[in-house]
Protein backbone atom coordinates (compact mmCIF):
# COMPACT_ATOMS: atom_id res chain seq x y z
CA MET A 1 22.63 -39.91 43.97
CA ALA A 2 19.26 -41.18 43.27
CA ILE A 3 15.88 -41.18 45.48
CA PRO A 4 14.74 -44.19 46.80
CA ALA A 5 11.51 -45.08 44.65
CA ASN A 6 9.37 -44.82 48.19
CA LYS A 7 10.69 -41.76 49.02
CA MET A 8 9.77 -40.11 45.31
CA GLY A 9 6.54 -40.80 46.19
CA GLN A 10 6.33 -39.34 49.40
CA LEU A 11 7.84 -36.54 47.88
CA GLN A 12 5.75 -36.06 44.89
CA ALA A 13 2.65 -35.96 47.42
CA LEU A 14 4.56 -33.10 49.79
CA PHE A 15 5.48 -31.22 46.44
CA SER A 16 2.00 -30.98 45.48
CA VAL A 17 0.49 -28.93 48.04
CA LEU A 18 3.00 -26.64 47.62
CA SER A 19 1.58 -22.92 46.74
CA GLU A 20 2.88 -21.57 43.30
CA LYS A 21 5.23 -19.32 45.15
CA HIS A 22 6.30 -21.58 47.39
CA ARG A 23 7.03 -24.12 44.63
CA GLN A 24 8.83 -21.42 42.38
CA THR A 25 10.87 -20.60 45.49
CA LEU A 26 11.82 -24.17 46.27
CA VAL A 27 12.76 -24.39 42.18
CA MET A 28 15.20 -21.34 42.35
CA THR A 29 16.66 -22.60 45.78
CA ILE A 30 16.98 -26.20 44.27
CA MET A 31 18.54 -24.63 40.73
CA ALA A 32 20.93 -22.25 42.75
CA ALA A 33 22.07 -25.24 44.94
CA LYS A 34 22.95 -27.19 41.73
CA ALA A 35 24.84 -24.50 40.12
CA ASP A 36 26.76 -24.31 43.38
CA GLY A 37 27.90 -27.42 43.21
CA GLU A 38 29.06 -28.07 46.90
CA ALA A 39 27.07 -31.07 48.10
CA LYS A 40 25.85 -33.77 46.07
CA LEU A 41 22.49 -34.21 46.33
CA PRO A 42 19.74 -35.48 43.70
CA TYR A 43 18.98 -32.11 42.44
CA ASP A 44 17.57 -33.33 38.60
CA ASP A 45 15.39 -35.50 40.42
CA LEU A 46 14.04 -32.78 42.60
CA LEU A 47 13.40 -30.46 40.22
CA THR A 48 11.42 -32.91 38.00
CA LEU A 49 9.31 -33.98 40.81
CA LEU A 50 8.79 -30.16 41.11
CA GLY A 51 8.30 -29.42 37.27
CA GLY A 52 10.18 -26.36 37.13
CA GLY A 53 14.16 -27.36 36.51
CA GLU A 54 13.62 -26.84 32.29
CA ALA A 55 11.83 -23.22 33.18
CA GLN A 56 14.80 -22.06 35.23
CA GLU A 57 17.50 -23.10 33.30
CA GLU A 58 17.67 -20.04 30.80
CA ARG A 59 16.08 -17.72 33.99
CA TRP A 60 19.54 -15.59 33.82
CA GLU A 61 18.66 -13.93 30.49
CA GLU A 62 16.08 -12.21 32.42
CA ILE A 63 18.43 -9.49 33.65
CA PHE A 64 19.62 -8.61 30.19
CA THR A 65 16.14 -8.19 28.84
CA VAL A 66 17.28 -4.29 27.94
CA VAL A 67 19.78 -5.53 25.27
CA LYS A 68 17.34 -8.01 23.50
CA PRO A 69 17.02 -6.58 20.53
CA LEU A 70 20.98 -6.40 20.22
CA VAL A 71 21.45 -10.08 20.81
CA VAL A 72 22.66 -12.52 17.75
CA GLU A 73 24.62 -15.56 17.87
CA LYS A 74 27.38 -14.44 15.86
CA VAL A 75 28.52 -10.79 15.64
CA LYS A 76 28.66 -9.03 12.60
CA ARG A 77 28.14 -5.45 13.43
CA CYS A 78 29.58 -3.19 16.58
CA ASP A 79 25.81 -2.47 17.30
CA GLN A 80 25.24 -6.44 18.27
CA ILE A 81 26.29 -8.01 20.99
CA SER A 82 27.31 -11.86 21.55
CA ALA A 83 24.12 -14.23 23.01
CA THR A 84 27.39 -16.25 24.17
CA LEU A 85 28.95 -13.76 25.54
CA LEU A 86 25.85 -13.01 27.64
CA HIS A 87 25.79 -16.50 29.20
CA ASP A 88 29.49 -16.27 30.31
CA ILE A 89 29.53 -13.39 31.41
CA TRP A 90 26.42 -14.04 33.79
CA GLU A 91 28.60 -17.73 34.88
CA TYR A 92 31.34 -15.73 35.66
CA TYR A 93 29.54 -13.61 38.09
CA PHE A 94 27.75 -16.45 39.25
CA ARG A 95 30.49 -18.86 39.72
CA GLU A 96 33.53 -16.59 40.79
CA LEU A 97 32.38 -12.37 40.89
CA ASP A 98 29.30 -12.89 43.60
CA PRO A 99 27.82 -16.62 43.63
CA VAL A 100 26.63 -15.77 47.15
CA ARG A 101 24.17 -12.70 45.56
CA ALA A 102 23.52 -14.68 42.41
CA ALA A 103 22.46 -17.44 44.35
CA ALA A 104 19.95 -15.44 46.40
CA TRP A 105 18.55 -14.11 43.37
CA LEU A 106 18.24 -17.26 41.68
CA SER A 107 16.18 -18.57 44.81
CA GLY A 108 13.89 -15.57 45.31
CA LYS A 109 15.73 -13.75 47.90
CA GLU A 110 16.78 -10.25 45.92
CA ASN A 111 14.73 -9.06 43.29
CA LEU A 112 15.94 -8.12 39.08
CA ALA A 113 16.76 -4.35 39.73
CA ASP A 114 19.33 -5.33 42.69
CA ILE A 115 21.19 -8.26 40.77
CA ARG A 116 21.30 -6.07 37.97
CA GLU A 117 22.93 -2.95 39.85
CA ALA A 118 24.96 -5.47 41.73
CA MET A 119 25.92 -6.75 38.47
CA VAL A 120 26.78 -3.63 36.63
CA SER A 121 29.08 -2.09 39.83
CA THR A 122 31.04 -5.42 39.46
CA TYR A 123 31.88 -5.45 36.21
CA GLN A 124 32.31 -1.56 36.12
CA GLY A 125 34.57 -2.26 38.62
CA LEU A 126 36.96 -4.49 37.11
CA THR A 127 36.83 -2.31 33.91
CA GLU A 128 38.28 0.72 35.82
CA THR A 129 41.67 -1.19 36.98
CA LYS A 130 44.47 -2.24 34.97
CA LYS A 131 44.30 -5.71 36.66
CA GLY A 132 40.53 -5.70 36.54
CA HIS A 133 40.67 -4.88 32.59
CA ASN A 134 43.04 -7.35 31.87
CA THR A 135 41.27 -9.74 33.60
CA LEU A 136 37.86 -9.49 31.41
CA ILE A 137 40.42 -9.31 28.61
CA LYS A 138 41.63 -12.68 29.29
CA LYS A 139 38.09 -14.21 30.43
CA PHE A 140 36.07 -12.92 27.43
CA GLY A 141 38.25 -12.00 24.93
CA GLU A 142 39.46 -8.13 23.83
CA ASP A 143 37.05 -7.60 20.63
CA GLU A 144 34.53 -8.52 23.39
CA GLN A 145 35.10 -5.50 25.15
CA GLY A 146 33.10 -2.96 23.29
CA GLN A 147 30.20 -5.14 23.34
CA LEU A 148 30.77 -5.46 27.39
CA SER A 149 30.55 -1.67 27.55
CA VAL A 150 27.43 -1.36 25.83
CA LEU A 151 25.81 -4.03 27.67
CA LEU A 152 27.09 -2.27 31.30
CA SER A 153 25.61 1.33 29.86
CA LEU A 154 22.57 0.06 29.17
CA MET A 155 21.75 -2.42 31.81
CA ASN A 156 22.78 0.53 34.14
CA ARG A 157 19.30 2.51 33.03
CA SER A 158 17.68 -0.83 32.30
CA ASP A 159 14.04 -0.15 33.95
CA GLU A 160 13.76 3.29 32.30
CA LEU A 161 14.86 2.06 28.59
CA GLU A 162 12.72 -0.55 29.11
CA ASP A 163 9.59 1.79 30.37
CA PHE A 164 10.41 4.31 27.69
CA PHE A 165 10.68 1.70 24.61
CA SER A 166 7.58 0.09 25.71
CA GLY A 167 5.32 2.39 23.98
CA TRP A 168 7.24 2.13 20.77
CA PRO A 169 6.22 -0.10 18.01
CA HIS A 170 7.98 -2.55 16.00
CA ASP A 171 9.27 -1.67 12.11
CA ILE A 172 8.31 2.23 12.16
CA LYS A 173 7.46 3.24 8.96
CA ASN A 174 8.33 6.78 9.15
CA LEU A 175 10.19 8.31 11.93
CA ASP A 176 8.61 11.75 12.96
CA ASP A 177 8.67 14.09 16.07
CA GLU A 178 6.18 11.92 17.36
CA ASN A 179 8.99 9.42 18.44
CA LEU A 180 11.80 12.22 18.23
CA ALA A 181 10.80 14.69 20.54
CA PRO A 182 10.39 12.56 23.34
CA LEU A 183 13.34 10.57 22.54
CA ARG A 184 15.40 13.68 22.65
CA GLU A 185 14.37 14.56 25.84
CA PHE A 186 15.01 11.05 27.26
CA ASN A 187 18.55 11.30 26.07
CA GLU A 188 18.43 14.29 27.47
CA HIS A 189 17.83 12.92 31.10
CA LEU A 190 19.72 10.06 31.07
CA ILE A 191 23.31 11.73 29.93
CA VAL A 192 23.28 13.34 33.26
CA ASP A 193 24.45 10.35 35.01
CA SER A 194 25.07 8.06 31.85
CA PRO A 195 27.25 10.54 29.48
CA GLU A 196 28.04 7.54 27.24
CA ILE A 197 24.51 6.34 26.48
CA THR A 198 23.39 8.41 23.52
CA PRO A 199 25.12 5.75 20.94
CA TYR A 200 23.44 2.79 22.63
CA ILE A 201 19.99 4.09 23.05
CA LEU A 202 20.33 4.99 18.99
CA PHE A 203 21.34 1.47 18.97
CA LEU A 204 18.30 0.57 20.32
CA VAL A 205 15.98 2.91 17.90
CA THR A 206 17.50 1.35 14.86
CA THR A 207 15.98 -2.27 15.91
CA ARG A 208 12.38 -0.62 15.97
CA LEU A 209 12.88 1.25 12.23
CA LEU A 210 11.33 -0.45 9.42
CA HIS A 211 13.93 1.31 7.06
CA PRO A 212 17.52 1.54 8.94
CA PHE A 213 18.85 4.53 7.75
CA HIS A 214 15.90 6.92 9.04
CA ILE A 215 18.39 6.72 12.36
CA PHE A 216 19.87 9.45 11.00
CA ARG A 217 16.68 11.49 11.72
CA ALA A 218 17.31 10.50 15.24
CA VAL A 219 21.02 11.69 15.22
CA GLU A 220 20.05 14.97 14.25
CA LYS A 221 17.19 15.44 16.34
CA VAL A 222 19.32 14.59 19.28
CA THR A 223 22.42 15.88 19.00
CA GLY A 224 22.06 18.31 16.29
CA HIS A 225 24.67 16.71 13.49
CA SER A 226 23.37 16.59 10.24
CA ASN A 227 26.87 15.87 8.40
CA ASP A 228 29.52 13.05 8.78
CA ARG A 229 32.23 15.49 9.32
CA VAL A 230 31.60 16.47 12.59
CA MET A 231 30.03 12.74 13.61
CA ILE A 232 33.03 10.68 12.60
CA LYS A 233 35.06 12.58 15.24
CA THR A 234 32.62 11.63 18.11
CA GLU A 235 31.09 8.56 19.74
CA LEU A 236 28.22 8.51 17.35
CA LYS A 237 30.81 7.62 14.90
CA VAL A 238 29.68 3.75 15.65
CA MET A 239 26.03 4.83 14.33
CA GLY A 240 27.69 5.08 10.92
CA ASP A 241 30.12 2.27 11.08
CA ALA A 242 27.00 -0.09 11.97
CA LEU A 243 24.77 0.66 8.80
CA LEU A 244 28.29 0.06 6.70
CA ASP A 245 28.86 -3.32 8.40
CA GLN A 246 25.36 -4.21 7.50
CA ASN A 247 25.97 -3.31 3.68
CA ASP A 248 29.18 -5.91 3.80
CA ILE A 249 26.97 -8.58 5.73
CA TRP A 250 24.48 -8.04 2.65
CA LEU A 251 27.25 -7.75 0.31
CA GLY A 252 28.37 -10.92 1.40
CA ASP A 253 25.05 -12.75 0.64
CA PHE A 254 25.76 -11.91 -3.13
CA GLN A 255 27.72 -14.93 -3.08
CA TRP A 256 26.92 -17.70 -5.33
CA GLU A 257 28.83 -21.13 -5.12
CA ARG A 258 29.73 -22.92 -8.60
CA ASN A 259 27.60 -25.15 -9.60
CA GLN A 260 24.98 -24.91 -6.64
CA LYS A 261 21.65 -23.06 -7.18
CA CYS A 262 21.59 -19.70 -5.79
CA ASN A 263 19.70 -18.75 -2.84
CA ILE A 264 17.20 -16.44 -4.42
CA ASP A 265 15.30 -15.27 -1.74
CA GLN A 266 18.16 -13.84 0.54
CA SER A 267 20.33 -12.71 -2.68
CA VAL A 268 17.27 -10.66 -3.68
CA ALA A 269 16.15 -9.79 -0.12
CA SER A 270 19.89 -8.50 0.62
CA LEU A 271 20.47 -6.41 -2.64
CA LYS A 272 16.99 -4.84 -1.63
CA GLY A 273 18.38 -3.86 1.55
CA PHE A 274 21.61 -3.09 0.22
CA ILE A 275 20.06 -0.25 -2.31
CA ASP A 276 17.21 0.82 0.23
CA LEU A 277 20.16 1.92 2.84
CA THR A 278 23.05 3.06 0.89
CA ASN A 279 20.66 5.41 -1.40
CA GLY A 280 18.37 6.31 1.77
CA TRP A 281 21.35 7.20 3.69
CA LEU A 282 22.68 9.50 0.86
CA SER A 283 19.09 11.07 1.00
CA GLU A 284 18.65 11.68 4.55
CA PHE A 285 22.30 12.54 5.74
CA GLU A 286 25.17 14.16 4.02
CA VAL A 287 28.31 12.45 3.74
CA ASP A 288 31.46 13.93 2.69
CA PRO A 289 32.87 11.76 -0.57
CA ALA A 290 36.31 12.39 0.68
CA GLY A 291 35.49 10.95 4.10
CA PRO A 292 35.38 7.75 5.79
CA TRP A 293 31.92 6.94 5.37
CA GLY A 294 32.12 8.58 1.68
CA LYS A 295 35.21 6.08 0.97
CA ARG A 296 33.42 3.09 2.33
CA LEU A 297 30.40 3.57 0.65
CA SER A 298 31.57 4.56 -2.76
CA ALA A 299 33.40 1.14 -2.28
CA GLN A 300 30.82 -0.94 -1.41
CA ARG A 301 28.60 0.40 -4.34
CA SER A 302 31.53 -0.56 -6.32
CA ARG A 303 31.62 -3.97 -5.33
CA CYS A 304 27.78 -4.59 -5.50
CA GLY A 305 27.95 -3.39 -9.18
CA LYS A 306 30.82 -5.86 -9.83
CA VAL A 307 29.27 -8.81 -8.43
CA TRP A 308 26.15 -8.64 -10.11
CA ASP A 309 27.95 -8.03 -13.19
CA GLU A 310 30.02 -11.26 -12.59
CA HIS A 311 26.13 -13.20 -11.72
CA MET A 312 24.79 -11.59 -15.18
CA GLN A 313 27.55 -13.01 -16.93
CA ARG A 314 27.40 -16.71 -15.56
CA ILE A 315 23.86 -16.43 -16.12
CA GLN A 316 24.69 -16.11 -19.58
CA LYS A 317 27.31 -19.00 -19.88
CA ASN A 318 24.24 -20.89 -18.36
CA MET A 319 22.09 -20.11 -21.07
CA ASP A 320 24.96 -21.10 -23.78
CA ARG A 321 25.19 -24.62 -21.87
CA ILE A 322 21.82 -25.65 -22.25
CA LEU A 323 20.36 -23.75 -25.26
CA PRO A 324 23.81 -24.51 -27.32
CA ARG A 325 24.47 -23.06 -30.83
CA LYS A 326 27.09 -23.97 -33.48
CA ARG A 327 27.97 -22.79 -36.44
CA GLY A 328 25.87 -24.67 -39.98
CA SER A 329 23.46 -23.84 -42.49
CA VAL A 330 20.86 -26.71 -41.88
CA THR A 331 18.31 -24.26 -40.77
CA GLY A 332 19.46 -21.05 -42.91
CA ARG A 333 20.83 -19.25 -40.39
CA GLN A 334 24.81 -18.62 -39.76
CA THR A 335 24.46 -20.79 -36.66
CA MET A 336 21.84 -23.71 -35.74
CA PRO A 337 21.08 -25.80 -32.69
CA ASP A 338 23.92 -28.27 -31.48
CA ILE A 339 21.57 -30.92 -30.92
CA ARG A 340 24.89 -33.37 -30.02
CA LYS A 341 25.34 -31.76 -26.88
CA ASP A 342 23.70 -33.87 -24.05
CA ILE A 343 20.90 -32.94 -21.88
CA ILE A 344 22.34 -32.70 -18.22
CA GLU A 345 19.40 -32.56 -15.82
CA ASN A 346 21.55 -30.33 -13.03
CA ASP A 347 22.54 -27.72 -15.71
CA VAL A 348 18.86 -26.91 -16.97
CA VAL A 349 17.78 -26.73 -13.32
CA LEU A 350 20.79 -24.53 -12.32
CA ALA A 351 19.71 -22.62 -15.48
CA GLU A 352 16.10 -22.49 -14.14
CA ASN A 353 17.19 -21.32 -10.75
CA ALA A 354 19.96 -18.42 -12.82
CA ILE A 355 16.70 -17.18 -14.49
CA THR A 356 14.32 -16.62 -11.39
CA LEU A 357 17.50 -14.43 -10.29
CA LEU A 358 18.02 -12.45 -13.27
CA LEU A 359 13.65 -11.87 -12.82
CA GLY A 360 13.97 -11.32 -9.23
CA ALA A 361 16.69 -8.65 -9.38
CA ARG A 362 15.62 -6.78 -12.73
CA SER A 363 13.81 -3.86 -10.68
CA PHE A 364 17.24 -3.17 -8.79
CA ALA A 365 19.78 -3.17 -11.77
CA SER A 366 19.92 0.70 -12.51
CA GLN A 367 20.52 1.25 -8.46
CA GLY A 368 22.58 -1.89 -7.97
CA GLY A 369 25.06 -0.60 -10.61
CA PHE A 370 24.60 -3.28 -12.97
CA GLN A 371 22.12 -2.13 -16.01
CA SER A 372 24.38 -2.40 -18.61
CA SER A 373 25.42 -6.49 -18.34
CA ARG A 374 21.42 -7.20 -17.16
CA ASP A 375 20.38 -5.55 -20.74
CA LYS A 376 23.26 -7.69 -22.30
CA LEU A 377 22.16 -10.28 -20.81
CA VAL A 378 18.31 -10.15 -21.37
CA GLN A 379 18.94 -9.51 -24.96
CA MET A 380 21.16 -12.18 -25.46
CA LEU A 381 18.27 -14.65 -23.65
CA GLU A 382 15.49 -13.48 -25.84
CA SER A 383 17.53 -13.62 -28.87
CA ARG A 384 18.63 -17.24 -27.98
CA ILE A 385 14.82 -17.96 -27.35
CA GLU A 386 14.00 -16.88 -30.48
CA GLU A 387 16.26 -18.58 -32.45
CA GLN A 388 16.27 -21.50 -30.94
CA SER A 389 12.43 -21.59 -30.70
CA GLU A 390 12.01 -21.67 -34.91
CA ASP A 391 15.48 -23.50 -35.44
CA LEU A 392 14.24 -26.53 -33.56
CA LEU A 393 11.09 -26.46 -34.84
CA ALA A 394 11.96 -26.74 -38.02
CA LEU A 395 14.37 -29.50 -37.47
CA LEU A 396 11.26 -31.32 -35.69
CA GLY A 397 9.03 -31.34 -39.14
CA GLN A 398 12.27 -33.47 -40.78
CA GLU A 399 12.59 -36.88 -40.45
CA ARG A 400 15.77 -37.29 -38.84
CA ALA A 401 17.39 -39.93 -37.02
CA ASP A 402 18.45 -37.66 -34.24
CA TYR A 403 14.82 -36.48 -33.78
CA GLU A 404 14.97 -38.17 -29.88
CA GLN A 405 17.56 -35.55 -29.47
CA ILE A 406 16.21 -32.83 -31.01
CA SER A 407 13.04 -33.24 -28.75
CA ALA A 408 14.97 -33.07 -25.88
CA HIS A 409 16.47 -29.96 -26.47
CA PHE A 410 13.66 -28.64 -27.79
CA ALA A 411 11.93 -29.66 -24.31
CA VAL A 412 14.69 -27.98 -22.46
CA LEU A 413 13.61 -24.63 -24.45
CA VAL A 414 9.76 -24.69 -23.15
CA ARG A 415 11.21 -25.57 -19.50
CA ILE A 416 13.18 -22.08 -20.13
CA VAL A 417 10.67 -20.01 -21.71
CA LYS A 418 8.35 -20.95 -19.29
CA ARG A 419 10.65 -19.82 -16.07
CA TYR A 420 11.36 -16.97 -18.01
CA LEU A 421 8.01 -15.75 -20.15
CA GLY A 422 5.39 -17.92 -18.02
CA ASP A 423 3.28 -20.69 -18.46
CA LYS A 424 1.17 -19.26 -21.74
CA ASP A 425 4.48 -18.79 -24.00
CA ALA A 426 5.13 -21.80 -22.94
CA ASP A 427 1.85 -23.61 -24.27
CA VAL A 428 1.87 -21.80 -27.43
CA LEU A 429 5.90 -22.89 -28.26
CA ALA A 430 4.85 -26.51 -27.16
CA ARG A 431 1.19 -26.21 -29.04
CA ARG A 432 3.64 -25.27 -32.18
CA SER A 433 5.96 -28.58 -32.04
CA VAL A 434 2.65 -30.59 -32.27
CA VAL A 435 1.80 -28.75 -35.55
CA ALA A 436 5.27 -28.63 -36.89
CA MET A 437 5.64 -32.77 -36.37
CA ALA A 438 2.21 -32.96 -37.90
CA ALA A 439 3.40 -30.76 -40.85
């Protein structure tokens, strides 16, 4: 249904004299009626005239602000909540569970605290019966029930949690008693009525930390646990599981597709994160090597070393491809540049990318478990550069029919030197070629 042109002007004039409060109330009422869908009215035209439709579309997100630090598009850890799940939870409540109260909130007749309390009560009631639990599984999925539990627990204490964390800075570098002492008192206050909430509070704490492994300082302060032998048998097991999940995410970031450039920033940042978390965790917390966490940590560290060993081997093959050698005696060596090999620009680009990765990861090689393969690669690369430089310069000083091919290989060498050693060394090598050709 569309509004006639003459009526549009009249409505626009009417709406222009409304106070902001009345305009917002009218916008919310129209939004609620639109969502209800019982009558066919020109909702979109009305909202356009009021200038508030788009702003209200996502208003339901206000209900879930307490868990906003945990919300992601795709859940990969046990301390995360899916943005899609939040939307679905609201839609189910709004469309089927309590449309009257939901519409009342949208139209401004119910406050935020009341709608939160009503939603928590409704969903918790469903979780407490077999029929209701099965309904939620069917509606949202079985894997999402853990997320729902976290959400309901935190929503139930939204005001207190938001007030407490409002004074906390983001990216806390050193979690100490300034934050930990109040946290312990706050947790003791909450668990009187919400005994399940401690690990979920710690989820929120972790989002504020520059170094996630510092969460174990909070664990020890709040619960008294300082090793995993007790902790893994309690509800706090999810804290270690979440960090181990993060390690798996970083390990996944190390992937490097064949014949593709590596995402260097992502790979190096993930390598740094993996090492910081793994080493920091072991320094902050007593982990039983034979326990579930210890075994998983050991497997992750082994996998990290293996993946980066493979990367080092791959870089070596890249160097063999773009700085090729063959057996021969023309240059007085056992091997000489294989100038018969055609230069493929994409191979050179991939090699430059690979060298950048090598340089970016060098400070993490020892703790990452690939120091030996990295050292072997560096020795090979530096020897190859030295040999290729001297031999190609010698060939450039000779009168040869394949001079253009030699020059092409030398140009690649200069690019590799520039990427590995820098502009100064590349410029020196280029000047040496001028001297060699003039001799």
